[in-house]
C-alpha atoms as a PDB file:
ATOM      1  CA  MET A   1     167.584 -84.701 102.964  1.00  0.00           C
ATOM      2  CA  TRP A   2     168.529 -87.434 100.504  1.00  0.00           C
ATOM      3  CA  ASP A   3     168.743 -86.557  96.832  1.00  0.00           C
ATOM      4  CA  TYR A   4     166.233 -89.057  95.446  1.00  0.00           C
ATOM      5  CA  THR A   5     165.347 -89.416  91.772  1.00  0.00           C
ATOM      6  CA  GLU A   6     161.755 -88.891  90.650  1.00  0.00           C
ATOM      7  CA  LYS A   7     161.434 -92.625  90.071  1.00  0.00           C
ATOM      8  CA  VAL A   8     162.537 -93.420  93.621  1.00  0.00           C
ATOM      9  CA  MET A   9     159.942 -90.986  94.977  1.00  0.00           C
ATOM     10  CA  ASP A  10     157.278 -92.443  92.689  1.00  0.00           C
ATOM     11  CA  HIS A  11     157.909 -95.997  93.913  1.00  0.00           C
ATOM     12  CA  PHE A  12     158.064 -94.772  97.518  1.00  0.00           C
ATOM     13  CA  LEU A  13     154.803 -92.817  97.347  1.00  0.00           C
ATOM     14  CA  HIS A  14     153.048 -95.268  95.018  1.00  0.00           C
ATOM     15  CA  PRO A  15     154.667 -98.675  95.654  1.00  0.00           C
ATOM     16  CA  ARG A  16     153.715-101.479  93.289  1.00  0.00           C
ATOM     17  CA  ASN A  17     152.694-105.011  94.299  1.00  0.00           C
ATOM     18  CA  VAL A  18     152.384-104.397  98.044  1.00  0.00           C
ATOM     19  CA  GLY A  19     150.859-107.180 100.119  1.00  0.00           C
ATOM     20  CA  GLU A  20     151.155-110.920 100.479  1.00  0.00           C
ATOM     21  CA  ILE A  21     150.257-114.049  98.482  1.00  0.00           C
ATOM     22  CA  ALA A  22     148.525-116.621 100.677  1.00  0.00           C
ATOM     23  CA  ASP A  23     149.377-119.562  98.403  1.00  0.00           C
ATOM     24  CA  ALA A  24     152.830-118.367  97.339  1.00  0.00           C
ATOM     25  CA  ASP A  25     155.151-120.913  95.765  1.00  0.00           C
ATOM     26  CA  ALA A  26     158.136-119.311  97.467  1.00  0.00           C
ATOM     27  CA  ILE A  27     158.880-116.701 100.119  1.00  0.00           C
ATOM     28  CA  GLY A  28     162.118-114.828 100.688  1.00  0.00           C
ATOM     29  CA  GLU A  29     162.827-112.959 103.925  1.00  0.00           C
ATOM     30  CA  VAL A  30     165.792-110.802 104.793  1.00  0.00           C
ATOM     31  CA  GLY A  31     166.685-108.248 107.441  1.00  0.00           C
ATOM     32  CA  ASN A  32     165.716-107.646 111.014  1.00  0.00           C
ATOM     33  CA  ILE A  33     163.327-104.937 112.169  1.00  0.00           C
ATOM     34  CA  THR A  34     165.525-104.387 115.238  1.00  0.00           C
ATOM     35  CA  CYS A  35     168.187-103.184 112.805  1.00  0.00           C
ATOM     36  CA  GLY A  36     165.745-100.906 110.982  1.00  0.00           C
ATOM     37  CA  ASP A  37     165.036-102.783 107.723  1.00  0.00           C
ATOM     38  CA  ALA A  38     163.219-105.977 106.811  1.00  0.00           C
ATOM     39  CA  LEU A  39     161.727-107.331 103.584  1.00  0.00           C
ATOM     40  CA  LYS A  40     159.454-110.277 102.827  1.00  0.00           C
ATOM     41  CA  LEU A  41     158.974-111.276  99.184  1.00  0.00           C
ATOM     42  CA  PHE A  42     156.236-113.596  97.861  1.00  0.00           C
ATOM     43  CA  LEU A  43     156.483-115.376  94.483  1.00  0.00           C
ATOM     44  CA  LYS A  44     153.658-117.141  92.637  1.00  0.00           C
ATOM     45  CA  LEU A  45     154.493-119.176  89.530  1.00  0.00           C
ATOM     46  CA  ASP A  46     152.453-119.801  86.407  1.00  0.00           C
ATOM     47  CA  ALA A  47     150.850-123.162  85.585  1.00  0.00           C
ATOM     48  CA  GLY A  48     154.037-124.356  83.908  1.00  0.00           C
ATOM     49  CA  LYS A  49     156.116-123.456  86.991  1.00  0.00           C
ATOM     50  CA  THR A  50     158.673-121.660  84.830  1.00  0.00           C
ATOM     51  CA  ARG A  51     157.605-118.027  85.065  1.00  0.00           C
ATOM     52  CA  ILE A  52     156.759-115.610  87.896  1.00  0.00           C
ATOM     53  CA  ALA A  53     153.063-114.910  87.441  1.00  0.00           C
ATOM     54  CA  ASP A  54     152.679-112.704  90.521  1.00  0.00           C
ATOM     55  CA  VAL A  55     154.881-111.119  93.156  1.00  0.00           C
ATOM     56  CA  LYS A  56     154.102-109.174  96.333  1.00  0.00           C
ATOM     57  CA  PHE A  57     156.180-107.664  99.113  1.00  0.00           C
ATOM     58  CA  GLN A  58     155.971-106.422 102.675  1.00  0.00           C
ATOM     59  CA  THR A  59     158.695-104.221 104.088  1.00  0.00           C
ATOM     60  CA  PHE A  60     159.677-102.276 107.151  1.00  0.00           C
ATOM     61  CA  GLY A  61     162.120 -99.527 106.319  1.00  0.00           C
ATOM     62  CA  CYS A  62     162.859 -96.144 104.817  1.00  0.00           C
ATOM     63  CA  ALA A  63     161.839 -94.626 101.476  1.00  0.00           C
ATOM     64  CA  SER A  64     164.745 -96.329  99.724  1.00  0.00           C
ATOM     65  CA  ALA A  65     163.767 -99.728 101.146  1.00  0.00           C
ATOM     66  CA  ILE A  66     160.184 -99.340  99.958  1.00  0.00           C
ATOM     67  CA  ALA A  67     161.231 -98.049  96.531  1.00  0.00           C
ATOM     68  CA  SER A  68     163.821-100.805  96.096  1.00  0.00           C
ATOM     69  CA  ALA A  69     161.317-103.528  96.977  1.00  0.00           C
ATOM     70  CA  SER A  70     158.714-102.029  94.651  1.00  0.00           C
ATOM     71  CA  ALA A  71     161.249-101.776  91.822  1.00  0.00           C
ATOM     72  CA  LEU A  72     162.340-105.377  92.389  1.00  0.00           C
ATOM     73  CA  THR A  73     158.787-106.655  91.964  1.00  0.00           C
ATOM     74  CA  GLU A  74     158.471-104.773  88.672  1.00  0.00           C
ATOM     75  CA  LEU A  75     161.790-106.201  87.481  1.00  0.00           C
ATOM     76  CA  VAL A  76     160.774-109.832  88.057  1.00  0.00           C
ATOM     77  CA  LYS A  77     157.009-109.913  87.502  1.00  0.00           C
ATOM     78  CA  GLY A  78     156.123-111.903  84.393  1.00  0.00           C
ATOM     79  CA  LYS A  79     159.735-112.984  83.834  1.00  0.00           C
ATOM     80  CA  ALA A  80     161.021-116.549  83.486  1.00  0.00           C
ATOM     81  CA  ILE A  81     162.767-117.919  86.569  1.00  0.00           C
ATOM     82  CA  VAL A  82     166.031-118.299  84.662  1.00  0.00           C
ATOM     83  CA  GLU A  83     165.880-114.581  83.778  1.00  0.00           C
ATOM     84  CA  VAL A  84     165.493-113.311  87.326  1.00  0.00           C
ATOM     85  CA  GLU A  85     168.239-115.524  88.788  1.00  0.00           C
ATOM     86  CA  THR A  86     170.840-112.994  87.658  1.00  0.00           C
ATOM     87  CA  VAL A  87     169.099-109.855  88.995  1.00  0.00           C
ATOM     88  CA  THR A  88     171.509-107.888  91.195  1.00  0.00           C
ATOM     89  CA  ASN A  89     171.254-104.929  93.538  1.00  0.00           C
ATOM     90  CA  ASP A  90     172.837-102.824  90.794  1.00  0.00           C
ATOM     91  CA  ASP A  91     169.908-103.703  88.494  1.00  0.00           C
ATOM     92  CA  ILE A  92     167.491-102.448  91.152  1.00  0.00           C
ATOM     93  CA  ALA A  93     169.412 -99.184  91.603  1.00  0.00           C
ATOM     94  CA  LYS A  94     169.622 -98.626  87.833  1.00  0.00           C
ATOM     95  CA  TYR A  95     165.895 -99.276  87.452  1.00  0.00           C
ATOM     96  CA  LEU A  96     165.271 -96.468  89.948  1.00  0.00           C
ATOM     97  CA  GLY A  97     167.648 -94.105  88.152  1.00  0.00           C
ATOM     98  CA  SER A  98     170.109 -94.296  91.058  1.00  0.00           C
ATOM     99  CA  LEU A  99     170.208 -94.475  94.833  1.00  0.00           C
ATOM    100  CA  PRO A 100     172.353 -92.449  97.233  1.00  0.00           C
ATOM    101  CA  GLU A 101     175.388 -94.588  98.098  1.00  0.00           C
ATOM    102  CA  GLU A 102     174.374 -94.366 101.751  1.00  0.00           C
ATOM    103  CA  LYS A 103     171.152 -96.196 100.818  1.00  0.00           C
ATOM    104  CA  MET A 104     172.570 -98.926  98.578  1.00  0.00           C
ATOM    105  CA  HIS A 105     172.029-101.464 101.368  1.00  0.00           C
ATOM    106  CA  CYS A 106     168.318-101.243 100.516  1.00  0.00           C
ATOM    107  CA  SER A 107     168.925-102.544  96.995  1.00  0.00           C
ATOM    108  CA  VAL A 108     171.190-105.259  98.436  1.00  0.00           C
ATOM    109  CA  MET A 109     168.359-106.279 100.744  1.00  0.00           C
ATOM    110  CA  GLY A 110     166.049-106.595  97.732  1.00  0.00           C
ATOM    111  CA  MET A 111     168.528-108.806  95.873  1.00  0.00           C
ATOM    112  CA  GLU A 112     169.002-111.020  98.935  1.00  0.00           C
ATOM    113  CA  ALA A 113     165.240-111.442  99.407  1.00  0.00           C
ATOM    114  CA  LEU A 114     164.918-112.523  95.769  1.00  0.00           C
ATOM    115  CA  GLN A 115     167.829-114.961  96.079  1.00  0.00           C
ATOM    116  CA  ALA A 116     166.332-116.391  99.278  1.00  0.00           C
ATOM    117  CA  ALA A 117     162.955-116.863  97.540  1.00  0.00           C
ATOM    118  CA  LEU A 118     164.592-118.585  94.565  1.00  0.00           C
ATOM    119  CA  ALA A 119     166.553-120.847  96.915  1.00  0.00           C
ATOM    120  CA  HIS A 120     163.291-121.658  98.704  1.00  0.00           C
ATOM    121  CA  LEU A 121     161.743-122.436  95.322  1.00  0.00           C
ATOM    122  CA  ARG A 122     164.547-124.917  94.617  1.00  0.00           C
ATOM    123  CA  GLY A 123     163.998-126.562  97.994  1.00  0.00           C
ATOM    124  CA  GLU A 124     167.215-125.110  99.411  1.00  0.00           C
ATOM    125  CA  GLY A 125     166.422-123.626 102.784  1.00  0.00           C
ATOM    126  CA  ASP A 126     163.369-122.037 104.354  1.00  0.00           C
ATOM    127  CA  GLY A 127     163.438-118.765 102.423  1.00  0.00           C
ATOM    128  CA  LYS A 128     165.189-116.781 105.129  1.00  0.00           C
ATOM    129  CA  ALA A 129     168.381-115.072 103.987  1.00  0.00           C
ATOM    130  CA  THR A 130     171.021-115.430 106.704  1.00  0.00           C
ATOM    131  CA  SER A 131     174.116-114.280 104.838  1.00  0.00           C
ATOM    132  CA  GLY A 132     174.388-111.095 106.806  1.00  0.00           C
ATOM    133  CA  HIS A 133     171.693-110.975 109.476  1.00  0.00           C
ATOM    134  CA  ASP A 134     170.311-112.958 112.397  1.00  0.00           C
ATOM    135  CA  HIS A 135     173.294-115.285 112.771  1.00  0.00           C
ATOM    136  CA  ASP A 136     173.872-117.250 115.933  1.00  0.00           C
ATOM    137  CA  HIS A 137     176.777-115.509 117.612  1.00  0.00           C
ATOM    138  CA  GLY A 138     177.824-118.786 119.235  1.00  0.00           C
ATOM    139  CA  LYS A 139     177.923-120.820 116.031  1.00  0.00           C
ATOM    140  CA  TYR A 140     181.026-122.986 115.578  1.00  0.00           C
ATOM    141  CA  ASP A 141     182.859-121.774 112.488  1.00  0.00           C
ATOM    142  CA  PRO A 142     186.345-123.251 111.957  1.00  0.00           C
ATOM    143  CA  ASP A 143     187.040-121.059 108.911  1.00  0.00           C
ATOM    144  CA  GLY A 144     186.019-117.807 110.590  1.00  0.00           C
ATOM    145  CA  VAL A 145     184.007-116.428 107.676  1.00  0.00           C
ATOM    146  CA  ASP A 146     180.679-116.754 109.507  1.00  0.00           C
ATOM    147  CA  ARG A 147     181.926-114.838 112.539  1.00  0.00           C
ATOM    148  CA  VAL A 148     179.902-111.746 113.343  1.00  0.00           C
ATOM    149  CA  VAL A 149     182.026-108.683 112.566  1.00  0.00           C
ATOM    150  CA  CYS A 150     179.439-105.967 113.198  1.00  0.00           C
ATOM    151  CA  TYR A 151     177.415-106.781 116.327  1.00  0.00           C
ATOM    152  CA  CYS A 152     175.325-103.621 116.041  1.00  0.00           C
ATOM    153  CA  PHE A 153     173.713-104.943 112.841  1.00  0.00           C
ATOM    154  CA  SER A 154     174.665-108.653 113.084  1.00  0.00           C
ATOM    155  CA  VAL A 155     176.700-108.655 109.849  1.00  0.00           C
ATOM    156  CA  THR A 156     179.107-111.533 109.249  1.00  0.00           C
ATOM    157  CA  GLU A 157     182.459-111.603 107.529  1.00  0.00           C
ATOM    158  CA  ARG A 158     180.997-113.849 104.824  1.00  0.00           C
ATOM    159  CA  HIS A 159     178.341-111.245 104.025  1.00  0.00           C
ATOM    160  CA  ILE A 160     180.891-108.434 103.928  1.00  0.00           C
ATOM    161  CA  ARG A 161     183.086-110.432 101.552  1.00  0.00           C
ATOM    162  CA  GLU A 162     180.131-111.177  99.242  1.00  0.00           C
ATOM    163  CA  VAL A 163     178.999-107.540  99.125  1.00  0.00           C
ATOM    164  CA  VAL A 164     182.533-106.273  98.490  1.00  0.00           C
ATOM    165  CA  ALA A 165     183.092-108.775  95.671  1.00  0.00           C
ATOM    166  CA  ALA A 166     179.705-108.195  94.029  1.00  0.00           C
ATOM    167  CA  ASN A 167     179.970-104.393  94.018  1.00  0.00           C
ATOM    168  CA  GLY A 168     183.702-103.725  93.788  1.00  0.00           C
ATOM    169  CA  LEU A 169     183.853-101.891  97.113  1.00  0.00           C
ATOM    170  CA  THR A 170     187.183-100.520  98.346  1.00  0.00           C
ATOM    171  CA  THR A 171     186.479 -98.451 101.485  1.00  0.00           C
ATOM    172  CA  VAL A 172     184.940 -99.030 104.909  1.00  0.00           C
ATOM    173  CA  ALA A 173     182.410 -96.253 104.229  1.00  0.00           C
ATOM    174  CA  GLN A 174     181.206 -98.058 101.103  1.00  0.00           C
ATOM    175  CA  VAL A 175     180.822-101.303 103.042  1.00  0.00           C
ATOM    176  CA  THR A 176     178.677 -99.442 105.577  1.00  0.00           C
ATOM    177  CA  HIS A 177     176.515 -97.983 102.818  1.00  0.00           C
ATOM    178  CA  TYR A 178     175.952-101.372 101.197  1.00  0.00           C
ATOM    179  CA  CYS A 179     175.370-103.627 104.224  1.00  0.00           C
ATOM    180  CA  LYS A 180     175.360-101.339 107.322  1.00  0.00           C
ATOM    181  CA  ALA A 181     178.430-102.985 108.876  1.00  0.00           C
ATOM    182  CA  GLY A 182     180.318-100.294 110.790  1.00  0.00           C
ATOM    183  CA  GLY A 183     177.323 -97.976 110.941  1.00  0.00           C
ATOM    184  CA  GLY A 184     176.671 -98.403 114.658  1.00  0.00           C
ATOM    185  CA  CYS A 185     179.291 -97.948 117.357  1.00  0.00           C
ATOM    186  CA  GLY A 186     182.106 -98.135 114.790  1.00  0.00           C
ATOM    187  CA  GLY A 187     184.125-100.622 116.821  1.00  0.00           C
ATOM    188  CA  CYS A 188     184.287-103.063 113.902  1.00  0.00           C
ATOM    189  CA  LYS A 189     185.758-100.664 111.350  1.00  0.00           C
ATOM    190  CA  LYS A 190     189.305-101.968 111.871  1.00  0.00           C
ATOM    191  CA  ASP A 191     188.075-105.512 111.200  1.00  0.00           C
ATOM    192  CA  ILE A 192     186.256-104.356 108.054  1.00  0.00           C
ATOM    193  CA  GLN A 193     189.422-102.641 106.833  1.00  0.00           C
ATOM    194  CA  ALA A 194     191.383-105.848 107.469  1.00  0.00           C
ATOM    195  CA  ILE A 195     188.888-107.792 105.348  1.00  0.00           C
ATOM    196  CA  LEU A 196     189.191-105.211 102.558  1.00  0.00           C
ATOM    197  CA  ASP A 197     192.986-105.388 102.715  1.00  0.00           C
ATOM    198  CA  ALA A 198     192.932-109.192 102.548  1.00  0.00           C
ATOM    199  CA  LEU A 199     190.580-109.193  99.557  1.00  0.00           C
ATOM    200  CA  ALA A 200     192.621-106.523  97.783  1.00  0.00           C
ATOM    201  CA  GLY A 201     195.799-108.531  98.336  1.00  0.00           C
ATOM    202  CA  ALA A 202     194.191-111.696  96.977  1.00  0.00           C
ATOM    203  CA  ALA A 203     192.880-109.814  93.934  1.00  0.00           C
ATOM    204  CA  ALA A 204     196.316-108.305  93.234  1.00  0.00           C
ATOM    205  CA  THR A 205     197.953-111.735  93.442  1.00  0.00           C
ATOM    206  CA  ALA A 206     195.369-113.233  91.071  1.00  0.00           C
ATOM    207  CA  ALA A 207     195.767-110.337  88.622  1.00  0.00           C
ATOM    208  CA  ALA A 208     199.543-110.720  88.641  1.00  0.00           C
ATOM    209  CA  ALA A 209     199.212-114.449  88.000  1.00  0.00           C
ATOM    210  CA  VAL A 210     196.921-113.795  85.037  1.00  0.00           C
ATOM    211  CA  ALA A 211     199.086-111.006  83.620  1.00  0.00           C
ATOM    212  CA  ALA A 212     202.414-112.822  83.976  1.00  0.00           C
ATOM    213  CA  PRO A 213     201.918-115.368  81.163  1.00  0.00           C
ATOM    214  CA  ALA A 214     200.709-112.627  78.805  1.00  0.00           C
ATOM    215  CA  ALA A 215     203.823-110.543  79.474  1.00  0.00           C
ATOM    216  CA  ALA A 216     206.120-113.523  79.018  1.00  0.00           C
ATOM    217  CA  GLY A 217     205.252-114.284  75.403  1.00  0.00           C
ATOM    218  CA  PRO A 218     202.654-114.448  72.625  1.00  0.00           C
ATOM    219  CA  ALA A 219     198.989-115.262  73.178  1.00  0.00           C
ATOM    220  CA  PRO A 220     198.288-118.953  73.799  1.00  0.00           C
ATOM    221  CA  LYS A 221     197.031-121.150  71.011  1.00  0.00           C
ATOM    222  CA  VAL A 222     193.326-121.901  70.649  1.00  0.00           C
ATOM    223  CA  LEU A 223     192.524-124.957  72.750  1.00  0.00           C
ATOM    224  CA  THR A 224     191.069-128.126  71.283  1.00  0.00           C
ATOM    225  CA  ASN A 225     187.818-129.416  72.810  1.00  0.00           C
ATOM    226  CA  LEU A 226     189.711-132.048  74.789  1.00  0.00           C
ATOM    227  CA  GLN A 227     192.272-129.512  76.053  1.00  0.00           C
ATOM    228  CA  LYS A 228     189.470-127.144  77.024  1.00  0.00           C
ATOM    229  CA  MET A 229     187.612-129.825  78.996  1.00  0.00           C
ATOM    230  CA  MET A 230     190.793-130.915  80.776  1.00  0.00           C
ATOM    231  CA  LYS A 231     191.678-127.338  81.691  1.00  0.00           C
ATOM    232  CA  ILE A 232     188.173-126.659  83.040  1.00  0.00           C
ATOM    233  CA  GLN A 233     188.344-129.795  85.191  1.00  0.00           C
ATOM    234  CA  GLN A 234     191.819-128.881  86.444  1.00  0.00           C
ATOM    235  CA  LEU A 235     190.846-125.313  87.351  1.00  0.00           C
ATOM    236  CA  ILE A 236     187.747-126.499  89.201  1.00  0.00           C
ATOM    237  CA  ASN A 237     189.679-129.137  91.182  1.00  0.00           C
ATOM    238  CA  ASP A 238     192.826-127.092  91.879  1.00  0.00           C
ATOM    239  CA  GLU A 239     191.405-123.634  92.580  1.00  0.00           C
ATOM    240  CA  LEU A 240     187.629-123.258  92.643  1.00  0.00           C
ATOM    241  CA  ARG A 241     186.674-126.237  94.795  1.00  0.00           C
ATOM    242  CA  PRO A 242     189.313-125.543  97.499  1.00  0.00           C
ATOM    243  CA  GLY A 243     188.146-121.933  97.674  1.00  0.00           C
ATOM    244  CA  LEU A 244     184.521-122.981  98.210  1.00  0.00           C
ATOM    245  CA  GLN A 245     185.444-125.816 100.577  1.00  0.00           C
ATOM    246  CA  ALA A 246     187.206-123.266 102.783  1.00  0.00           C
ATOM    247  CA  ASP A 247     183.799-121.635 103.274  1.00  0.00           C
ATOM    248  CA  GLY A 248     182.005-124.941 103.921  1.00  0.00           C
ATOM    249  CA  GLY A 249     180.760-125.376 100.345  1.00  0.00           C
ATOM    250  CA  ASP A 250     181.773-127.335  97.283  1.00  0.00           C
ATOM    251  CA  LEU A 251     181.375-127.506  93.506  1.00  0.00           C
ATOM    252  CA  GLU A 252     180.762-130.469  91.184  1.00  0.00           C
ATOM    253  CA  LEU A 253     181.255-130.426  87.407  1.00  0.00           C
ATOM    254  CA  LEU A 254     178.244-132.117  85.807  1.00  0.00           C
ATOM    255  CA  ASP A 255     178.698-131.570  82.068  1.00  0.00           C
ATOM    256  CA  ILE A 256     180.502-129.578  79.384  1.00  0.00           C
ATOM    257  CA  ASP A 257     178.517-128.958  76.208  1.00  0.00           C
ATOM    258  CA  GLY A 258     180.510-126.738  73.844  1.00  0.00           C
ATOM    259  CA  ASP A 259     180.930-123.444  75.710  1.00  0.00           C
ATOM    260  CA  ARG A 260     178.254-124.329  78.279  1.00  0.00           C
ATOM    261  CA  VAL A 261     179.604-125.589  81.601  1.00  0.00           C
ATOM    262  CA  VAL A 262     177.042-127.203  83.911  1.00  0.00           C
ATOM    263  CA  VAL A 263     177.954-127.328  87.610  1.00  0.00           C
ATOM    264  CA  GLN A 264     176.270-127.953  90.942  1.00  0.00           C
ATOM    265  CA  LEU A 265     177.002-126.039  94.130  1.00  0.00           C
ATOM    266  CA  LYS A 266     177.059-128.170  97.257  1.00  0.00           C
ATOM    267  CA  GLY A 267     177.332-127.818 101.010  1.00  0.00           C
ATOM    268  CA  ALA A 268     176.919-124.298 102.394  1.00  0.00           C
ATOM    269  CA  CYS A 269     176.964-122.878  98.857  1.00  0.00           C
ATOM    270  CA  ALA A 270     173.863-124.838  97.785  1.00  0.00           C
ATOM    271  CA  GLY A 271     171.476-122.893  99.991  1.00  0.00           C
ATOM    272  CA  CYS A 272     173.365-119.609  99.988  1.00  0.00           C
ATOM    273  CA  PRO A 273     171.353-116.589  98.762  1.00  0.00           C
ATOM    274  CA  GLY A 274     174.502-115.451  96.937  1.00  0.00           C
ATOM    275  CA  ALA A 275     174.835-118.688  94.939  1.00  0.00           C
ATOM    276  CA  GLN A 276     174.161-117.063  91.564  1.00  0.00           C
ATOM    277  CA  THR A 277     176.655-114.320  92.337  1.00  0.00           C
ATOM    278  CA  THR A 278     179.250-116.978  93.184  1.00  0.00           C
ATOM    279  CA  LEU A 279     178.612-118.812  89.911  1.00  0.00           C
ATOM    280  CA  LYS A 280     178.690-115.755  87.676  1.00  0.00           C
ATOM    281  CA  ARG A 281     181.180-113.422  89.319  1.00  0.00           C
ATOM    282  CA  TRP A 282     183.721-115.985  90.451  1.00  0.00           C
ATOM    283  CA  VAL A 283     183.352-119.433  88.860  1.00  0.00           C
ATOM    284  CA  GLU A 284     182.360-118.194  85.402  1.00  0.00           C
ATOM    285  CA  ALA A 285     184.772-115.247  85.568  1.00  0.00           C
ATOM    286  CA  ARG A 286     187.736-117.498  86.404  1.00  0.00           C
ATOM    287  CA  LEU A 287     186.902-120.042  83.704  1.00  0.00           C
ATOM    288  CA  ARG A 288     186.590-117.249  81.138  1.00  0.00           C
ATOM    289  CA  GLU A 289     189.940-115.807  82.196  1.00  0.00           C
ATOM    290  CA  GLU A 290     191.806-119.102  82.129  1.00  0.00           C
ATOM    291  CA  VAL A 291     190.038-121.126  79.417  1.00  0.00           C
ATOM    292  CA  SER A 292     187.800-119.132  77.048  1.00  0.00           C
ATOM    293  CA  PRO A 293     185.861-115.826  77.221  1.00  0.00           C
ATOM    294  CA  ALA A 294     182.972-117.580  75.475  1.00  0.00           C
ATOM    295  CA  LEU A 295     182.252-119.951  78.380  1.00  0.00           C
ATOM    296  CA  THR A 296     178.958-119.755  80.258  1.00  0.00           C
ATOM    297  CA  VAL A 297     178.431-121.408  83.651  1.00  0.00           C
ATOM    298  CA  VAL A 298     174.956-122.582  84.644  1.00  0.00           C
ATOM    299  CA  ALA A 299     173.604-124.489  87.639  1.00  0.00           C
ATOM    300  CA  GLY A 300     172.498-128.026  86.926  1.00  0.00           C
END
């Protein structure tokens, strides 16, 4: 039996905000009941269309799935849209006290449903999260990242990469716990390990590149506003955009106001449920590393 916290059991036995909203402003769906878990999230905004006035959910899944969905609704209800855009699966797990690692995919499902609903709210997509489930196995994908790696649970390489990056995963077992890939016949575990090895190699190369200038001499001088703007533009054009374009997306710099960098995701990235994760954990992280730790990246 799983070692659940009292709060997990409370939200499982007494789930909050269960049901549907007939006139919802946005709906987010994720999962597939043939794989064992599915979640549908309904959002209703206030009169000013800036705050979540009501939220409901319907789910098919285990105790952790129900508790995670219930916790998610409590986390976002009454909050401004800009506040909930950064909610992660880790926030859901922490709200519940913790979740067994083997059940972390339930919190990931909650985060994806929220991201899908927010994308739907922005007019980006139909509210169905497809980053890891229900992909067309025959889809043409020249870059390979949308190929289905785990056929038992229809999980793509793109989804595995996003989950690994967002949660700092390092083992195949962890990947299985967070997105189910590898949890069926096990035939895809070698492919999952290859993805982990590739990501680890890329991270080590990036870390070495960042550390090398620091080891070579004193700390760089404080940049002027003009130098800072030029460096941001250069980093976006030389590194960030090519990385996103390789996945079918793109990034446009809209404005720089002090330490606030306004960008717009385009292409496949625009409707991706993991868009906020991309902005915060990659774009913003890289700009902070290379330009200034005070920078904040927001979507325009």
